């Protein structure tokens, strides 16, 4: 029997960890922290 850990959202601003299924998304599809409302955005470090 295997146990699968669910995916989580880790906020870089307030350090909260929440299940990804409970995290809202903004109009552009970026995750928004349910505690501090920080929206995650791409960093542009793809170089």
PDB file of N, CA and C in Angstrom:
ATOM      1  N   UNK A   1       0.844  -1.172   0.000  1.00  0.00           N
ATOM      2  CA  UNK A   1       0.000   0.000   0.000  1.00  0.00           C
ATOM      3  C   UNK A   1       0.888   1.234   0.000  1.00  0.00           C
ATOM      4  N   UNK A   2       0.656   2.118  -0.935  1.00  0.00           N
ATOM      5  CA  UNK A   2       1.446   3.346  -0.979  1.00  0.00           C
ATOM      6  C   UNK A   2       0.625   4.514  -0.460  1.00  0.00           C
ATOM      7  N   UNK A   3       1.319   5.448   0.130  1.00  0.00           N
ATOM      8  CA  UNK A   3       0.681   6.656   0.638  1.00  0.00           C
ATOM      9  C   UNK A   3       1.171   7.822  -0.199  1.00  0.00           C
ATOM     10  N   UNK A   4       0.228   8.563  -0.781  1.00  0.00           N
ATOM     11  CA  UNK A   4       0.591   9.712  -1.593  1.00  0.00           C
ATOM     12  C   UNK A   4       0.314  10.988  -0.810  1.00  0.00           C
ATOM     13  N   UNK A   5       1.322  11.814  -0.721  1.00  0.00           N
ATOM     14  CA  UNK A   5       1.171  13.081  -0.034  1.00  0.00           C
ATOM     15  C   UNK A   5       0.564  14.084  -1.006  1.00  0.00           C
ATOM     16  N   UNK A   6      -0.455  14.820  -0.585  1.00  0.00           N
ATOM     17  CA  UNK A   6      -1.096  15.806  -1.439  1.00  0.00           C
ATOM     18  C   UNK A   6      -0.196  17.001  -1.675  1.00  0.00           C
ATOM     19  N   UNK A   7      -0.409  17.684  -2.779  1.00  0.00           N
ATOM     20  CA  UNK A   7       0.411  18.853  -3.077  1.00  0.00           C
ATOM     21  C   UNK A   7       0.006  20.019  -2.184  1.00  0.00           C
ATOM     22  N   UNK A   8       0.991  20.851  -1.867  1.00  0.00           N
ATOM     23  CA  UNK A   8       0.741  21.976  -0.979  1.00  0.00           C
ATOM     24  C   UNK A   8       1.220  23.285  -1.597  1.00  0.00           C
ATOM     25  N   UNK A   9       0.670  24.370  -1.108  1.00  0.00           N
ATOM     26  CA  UNK A   9       1.070  25.720  -1.489  1.00  0.00           C
ATOM     27  C   UNK A   9       1.868  26.287  -0.328  1.00  0.00           C
ATOM     28  N   UNK A  10       3.074  26.796  -0.601  1.00  0.00           N
ATOM     29  CA  UNK A  10       3.922  27.409   0.421  1.00  0.00           C
ATOM     30  C   UNK A  10       4.073  28.880   0.091  1.00  0.00           C
ATOM     31  N   UNK A  11       3.538  29.754   0.936  1.00  0.00           N
ATOM     32  CA  UNK A  11       3.592  31.193   0.694  1.00  0.00           C
ATOM     33  C   UNK A  11       4.978  31.735   1.051  1.00  0.00           C
ATOM     34  N   UNK A  12       5.626  32.457   0.127  1.00  0.00           N
ATOM     35  CA  UNK A  12       6.941  33.018   0.416  1.00  0.00           C
ATOM     36  C   UNK A  12       6.888  34.253   1.323  1.00  0.00           C
ATOM     37  N   UNK A  13       5.712  34.845   1.492  1.00  0.00           N
ATOM     38  CA  UNK A  13       5.583  36.051   2.311  1.00  0.00           C
ATOM     39  C   UNK A  13       5.304  35.750   3.784  1.00  0.00           C
ATOM     40  N   UNK A  14       4.331  34.880   4.046  1.00  0.00           N
ATOM     41  CA  UNK A  14       3.933  34.647   5.444  1.00  0.00           C
ATOM     42  C   UNK A  14       4.249  33.235   5.925  1.00  0.00           C
ATOM     43  N   UNK A  15       4.895  32.413   5.095  1.00  0.00           N
ATOM     44  CA  UNK A  15       5.327  31.063   5.453  1.00  0.00           C
ATOM     45  C   UNK A  15       4.197  30.106   5.820  1.00  0.00           C
ATOM     46  N   UNK A  16       2.992  30.365   5.351  1.00  0.00           N
ATOM     47  CA  UNK A  16       1.897  29.428   5.584  1.00  0.00           C
ATOM     48  C   UNK A  16       1.980  28.307   4.552  1.00  0.00           C
ATOM     49  N   UNK A  17       1.579  27.113   4.958  1.00  0.00           N
ATOM     50  CA  UNK A  17       1.489  25.971   4.061  1.00  0.00           C
ATOM     51  C   UNK A  17       0.040  25.521   4.063  1.00  0.00           C
ATOM     52  N   UNK A  18      -0.545  25.427   2.857  1.00  0.00           N
ATOM     53  CA  UNK A  18      -1.943  25.052   2.726  1.00  0.00           C
ATOM     54  C   UNK A  18      -2.091  24.025   1.611  1.00  0.00           C
ATOM     55  N   UNK A  19      -3.099  23.176   1.702  1.00  0.00           N
ATOM     56  CA  UNK A  19      -3.343  22.237   0.607  1.00  0.00           C
ATOM     57  C   UNK A  19      -3.637  23.015  -0.683  1.00  0.00           C
ATOM     58  N   UNK A  20      -3.060  22.585  -1.788  1.00  0.00           N
ATOM     59  CA  UNK A  20      -3.234  23.293  -3.052  1.00  0.00           C
ATOM     60  C   UNK A  20      -4.696  23.405  -3.466  1.00  0.00           C
ATOM     61  N   UNK A  21      -5.494  22.419  -3.115  1.00  0.00           N
ATOM     62  CA  UNK A  21      -6.906  22.441  -3.496  1.00  0.00           C
ATOM     63  C   UNK A  21      -7.683  23.556  -2.802  1.00  0.00           C
ATOM     64  N   UNK A  22      -7.158  24.100  -1.691  1.00  0.00           N
ATOM     65  CA  UNK A  22      -7.877  25.137  -0.962  1.00  0.00           C
ATOM     66  C   UNK A  22      -7.368  26.541  -1.272  1.00  0.00           C
ATOM     67  N   UNK A  23      -6.423  26.665  -2.197  1.00  0.00           N
ATOM     68  CA  UNK A  23      -5.829  27.963  -2.522  1.00  0.00           C
ATOM     69  C   UNK A  23      -6.574  28.590  -3.697  1.00  0.00           C
ATOM     70  N   UNK A  24      -7.035  29.844  -3.544  1.00  0.00           N
ATOM     71  CA  UNK A  24      -7.711  30.515  -4.666  1.00  0.00           C
ATOM     72  C   UNK A  24      -6.703  31.005  -5.701  1.00  0.00           C
ATOM     73  N   UNK A  25      -7.174  31.288  -6.880  1.00  0.00           N
ATOM     74  CA  UNK A  25      -6.336  31.780  -7.972  1.00  0.00           C
ATOM     75  C   UNK A  25      -6.908  33.093  -8.480  1.00  0.00           C
ATOM     76  N   UNK A  26      -6.018  34.002  -8.941  1.00  0.00           N
ATOM     77  CA  UNK A  26      -6.482  35.278  -9.462  1.00  0.00           C
ATOM     78  C   UNK A  26      -6.924  35.121 -10.919  1.00  0.00           C
ATOM     79  N   UNK A  27      -7.307  36.230 -11.561  1.00  0.00           N
ATOM     80  CA  UNK A  27      -7.821  36.204 -12.932  1.00  0.00           C
ATOM     81  C   UNK A  27      -6.785  35.711 -13.943  1.00  0.00           C
ATOM     82  N   UNK A  28      -5.497  35.845 -13.635  1.00  0.00           N
ATOM     83  CA  UNK A  28      -4.443  35.391 -14.538  1.00  0.00           C
ATOM     84  C   UNK A  28      -3.994  33.959 -14.244  1.00  0.00           C
ATOM     85  N   UNK A  29      -4.562  33.342 -13.215  1.00  0.00           N
ATOM     86  CA  UNK A  29      -4.236  31.962 -12.886  1.00  0.00           C
ATOM     87  C   UNK A  29      -3.127  31.779 -11.877  1.00  0.00           C
ATOM     88  N   UNK A  30      -2.707  32.858 -11.213  1.00  0.00           N
ATOM     89  CA  UNK A  30      -1.665  32.761 -10.198  1.00  0.00           C
ATOM     90  C   UNK A  30      -2.283  32.442  -8.841  1.00  0.00           C
ATOM     91  N   UNK A  31      -1.603  31.599  -8.072  1.00  0.00           N
ATOM     92  CA  UNK A  31      -2.094  31.232  -6.748  1.00  0.00           C
ATOM     93  C   UNK A  31      -2.047  32.437  -5.814  1.00  0.00           C
ATOM     94  N   UNK A  32      -3.084  32.567  -4.982  1.00  0.00           N
ATOM     95  CA  UNK A  32      -3.182  33.666  -4.016  1.00  0.00           C
ATOM     96  C   UNK A  32      -3.229  33.060  -2.622  1.00  0.00           C
ATOM     97  N   UNK A  33      -2.339  33.513  -1.753  1.00  0.00           N
ATOM     98  CA  UNK A  33      -2.279  32.992  -0.392  1.00  0.00           C
ATOM     99  C   UNK A  33      -3.606  33.242   0.326  1.00  0.00           C
ATOM    100  N   UNK A  34      -4.181  32.203   0.958  1.00  0.00           N
ATOM    101  CA  UNK A  34      -5.444  32.387   1.665  1.00  0.00           C
ATOM    102  C   UNK A  34      -5.307  33.178   2.973  1.00  0.00           C
ATOM    103  N   UNK A  35      -4.076  33.401   3.442  1.00  0.00           N
ATOM    104  CA  UNK A  35      -3.867  34.118   4.701  1.00  0.00           C
ATOM    105  C   UNK A  35      -3.511  35.583   4.455  1.00  0.00           C
ATOM    106  N   UNK A  36      -2.485  35.845   3.628  1.00  0.00           N
ATOM    107  CA  UNK A  36      -2.013  37.228   3.452  1.00  0.00           C
ATOM    108  C   UNK A  36      -2.355  37.820   2.086  1.00  0.00           C
ATOM    109  N   UNK A  37      -2.975  37.045   1.206  1.00  0.00           N
ATOM    110  CA  UNK A  37      -3.388  37.480  -0.136  1.00  0.00           C
ATOM    111  C   UNK A  37      -2.233  37.788  -1.075  1.00  0.00           C
ATOM    112  N   UNK A  38      -1.046  37.283  -0.798  1.00  0.00           N
ATOM    113  CA  UNK A  38       0.091  37.452  -1.686  1.00  0.00           C
ATOM    114  C   UNK A  38      -0.123  36.608  -2.938  1.00  0.00           C
ATOM    115  N   UNK A  39      -0.006  37.213  -4.117  1.00  0.00           N
ATOM    116  CA  UNK A  39      -0.162  36.479  -5.377  1.00  0.00           C
ATOM    117  C   UNK A  39       1.210  36.052  -5.874  1.00  0.00           C
ATOM    118  N   UNK A  40       1.352  34.778  -6.177  1.00  0.00           N
ATOM    119  CA  UNK A  40       2.618  34.293  -6.723  1.00  0.00           C
ATOM    120  C   UNK A  40       2.688  34.639  -8.197  1.00  0.00           C
ATOM    121  N   UNK A  41       3.845  35.067  -8.648  1.00  0.00           N
ATOM    122  CA  UNK A  41       4.036  35.429 -10.048  1.00  0.00           C
ATOM    123  C   UNK A  41       5.362  34.835 -10.519  1.00  0.00           C
ATOM    124  N   UNK A  42       5.511  34.627 -11.822  1.00  0.00           N
ATOM    125  CA  UNK A  42       6.777  34.106 -12.319  1.00  0.00           C
ATOM    126  C   UNK A  42       7.922  35.061 -12.007  1.00  0.00           C
ATOM    127  N   UNK A  43       9.101  34.505 -11.732  1.00  0.00           N
ATOM    128  CA  UNK A  43      10.248  35.347 -11.378  1.00  0.00           C
ATOM    129  C   UNK A  43      11.049  35.801 -12.571  1.00  0.00           C
ATOM    130  N   UNK A  44      10.938  35.111 -13.696  1.00  0.00           N
ATOM    131  CA  UNK A  44      11.693  35.488 -14.882  1.00  0.00           C
ATOM    132  C   UNK A  44      13.135  35.010 -14.867  1.00  0.00           C
ATOM    133  N   UNK A  45      13.459  34.052 -14.019  1.00  0.00           N
ATOM    134  CA  UNK A  45      14.812  33.514 -13.893  1.00  0.00           C
ATOM    135  C   UNK A  45      15.025  32.287 -14.780  1.00  0.00           C
ATOM    136  N   UNK A  46      14.449  32.279 -15.968  1.00  0.00           N
ATOM    137  CA  UNK A  46      14.542  31.118 -16.858  1.00  0.00           C
ATOM    138  C   UNK A  46      15.840  31.071 -17.642  1.00  0.00           C
ATOM    139  N   UNK A  47      16.705  32.030 -17.492  1.00  0.00           N
ATOM    140  CA  UNK A  47      17.943  32.099 -18.278  1.00  0.00           C
ATOM    141  C   UNK A  47      18.931  31.044 -17.903  1.00  0.00           C
TER     142      UNK A  47
END
